[in-house]
Amino acid sequence: MMNQGLKWMVLLGFAGLMGWGMWGLPDRGDLDAPMNEKTTITGTPTPAAHYIEHAYKEAKTPNIVTVVLGDYRSIDTLGEVLVVFTAGLILILLLTNRRKISALDGGDS
């Protein structure tokens, strides 16, 4: 019973931490939010402003999403694809291994 209470306390603590973290976020669609600014506090252009202004000139692709994911953040995107591929490969290997063990034991599943 103590273990169950501890789980609920950790869960409620985490939910409280998430709620507290969301409290400082700007409202949805707020045009004065920091991410909608064209320059940072130091006066340099934000990455979003640079992507929007220079996407077609630098990549000659009319779709800005393709330019950001394929050109500007290509290494990051490749890393994410490798992580998902590795997770899928491990899942396939685990499931295949489980079937072989079950067949050796004479199980039905």
Protein backbone atom coordinates (compact mmCIF):
# COMPACT_ATOMS: atom_id res chain seq x y z
CA MET A 1 0.00 0.00 0.00
CA MET A 2 2.89 2.35 0.77
CA ASN A 3 4.35 1.69 -2.67
CA GLN A 4 1.06 2.68 -4.35
CA GLY A 5 0.91 5.91 -2.33
CA LEU A 6 4.47 6.77 -3.31
CA LYS A 7 3.62 6.28 -6.99
CA TRP A 8 0.67 8.66 -6.70
CA MET A 9 2.77 11.25 -4.88
CA VAL A 10 5.45 11.13 -7.59
CA LEU A 11 2.79 11.35 -10.32
CA LEU A 12 1.05 14.32 -8.69
CA GLY A 13 4.40 16.02 -8.05
CA PHE A 14 5.36 15.63 -11.71
CA ALA A 15 1.95 16.91 -12.84
CA GLY A 16 2.37 19.91 -10.52
CA LEU A 17 5.82 20.59 -11.93
CA MET A 18 4.45 20.47 -15.49
CA GLY A 19 1.60 22.82 -14.54
CA TRP A 20 4.01 25.24 -12.89
CA GLY A 21 6.23 25.17 -16.00
CA MET A 22 3.30 25.90 -18.30
CA TRP A 23 2.19 28.84 -16.20
CA GLY A 24 4.91 31.09 -17.67
CA LEU A 25 4.26 30.24 -21.32
CA PRO A 26 2.67 32.91 -23.54
CA ASP A 27 -0.92 32.52 -24.68
CA ARG A 28 -1.56 30.68 -27.91
CA GLY A 29 -1.48 33.00 -30.89
CA ASP A 30 0.10 35.85 -28.91
CA LEU A 31 1.83 38.04 -31.50
CA ASP A 32 3.99 39.65 -28.82
CA ALA A 33 5.45 36.31 -27.71
CA PRO A 34 9.28 36.13 -27.82
CA MET A 35 9.26 33.50 -30.58
CA ASN A 36 7.46 35.94 -32.89
CA GLU A 37 10.14 38.61 -32.54
CA LYS A 38 12.38 39.30 -35.54
CA THR A 39 15.45 40.04 -33.41
CA THR A 40 16.79 38.64 -30.17
CA ILE A 41 17.65 40.64 -27.08
CA THR A 42 21.19 41.12 -28.44
CA GLY A 43 19.89 42.50 -31.74
CA THR A 44 20.70 39.50 -33.92
CA PRO A 45 18.00 38.04 -36.16
CA THR A 46 16.18 34.99 -34.83
CA PRO A 47 16.57 31.72 -36.74
CA ALA A 48 12.88 31.79 -37.70
CA ALA A 49 13.20 35.24 -39.26
CA HIS A 50 16.29 34.12 -41.17
CA TYR A 51 14.57 30.94 -42.42
CA ILE A 52 11.50 32.81 -43.61
CA GLU A 53 13.44 35.57 -45.36
CA HIS A 54 16.17 33.47 -46.99
CA ALA A 55 14.61 30.02 -47.55
CA TYR A 56 13.82 30.38 -51.23
CA LYS A 57 16.97 32.33 -52.11
CA GLU A 58 19.30 29.81 -50.46
CA ALA A 59 17.56 26.53 -51.35
CA LYS A 60 15.39 27.32 -54.39
CA THR A 61 12.55 25.26 -52.87
CA PRO A 62 9.10 26.85 -52.49
CA ASN A 63 8.14 24.73 -49.46
CA ILE A 64 9.64 26.30 -46.33
CA VAL A 65 9.11 23.15 -44.23
CA THR A 66 11.20 21.12 -46.67
CA VAL A 67 13.92 23.77 -46.63
CA VAL A 68 14.09 23.89 -42.82
CA LEU A 69 14.08 20.10 -42.33
CA GLY A 70 16.12 19.14 -45.38
CA ASP A 71 18.65 21.96 -45.66
CA TYR A 72 19.05 23.97 -42.48
CA ARG A 73 18.49 21.14 -39.98
CA SER A 74 19.51 18.14 -42.07
CA ILE A 75 22.00 16.69 -39.57
CA ASP A 76 19.46 16.99 -36.76
CA THR A 77 16.78 15.36 -38.92
CA LEU A 78 19.18 12.55 -39.85
CA GLY A 79 19.86 11.96 -36.15
CA GLU A 80 16.15 11.75 -35.39
CA VAL A 81 15.61 9.29 -38.26
CA LEU A 82 18.47 7.13 -36.99
CA VAL A 83 16.99 7.05 -33.48
CA VAL A 84 13.56 6.01 -34.77
CA PHE A 85 15.10 3.42 -37.11
CA THR A 86 17.21 1.96 -34.29
CA ALA A 87 14.21 1.77 -31.96
CA GLY A 88 12.18 -0.01 -34.66
CA LEU A 89 15.02 -2.43 -35.37
CA ILE A 90 15.39 -3.26 -31.67
CA LEU A 91 11.63 -3.80 -31.40
CA ILE A 92 11.68 -6.19 -34.36
CA LEU A 93 14.63 -8.09 -32.90
CA LEU A 94 12.95 -8.38 -29.51
CA LEU A 95 9.67 -9.59 -30.96
CA THR A 96 11.41 -12.07 -33.26
CA ASN A 97 13.47 -13.42 -30.35
CA ARG A 98 10.34 -13.80 -28.21
CA ARG A 99 8.65 -15.91 -30.90
CA LYS A 100 11.68 -18.19 -31.18
CA ILE A 101 11.82 -18.70 -27.40
CA SER A 102 8.07 -19.37 -27.30
CA ALA A 103 8.39 -21.91 -30.12
CA LEU A 104 11.25 -23.68 -28.31
CA ASP A 105 9.20 -23.86 -25.09
CA GLY A 106 6.23 -25.28 -26.99
CA GLY A 107 4.05 -22.28 -26.10
CA ASP A 108 1.04 -21.12 -28.08
CA SER A 109 1.89 -17.41 -28.27
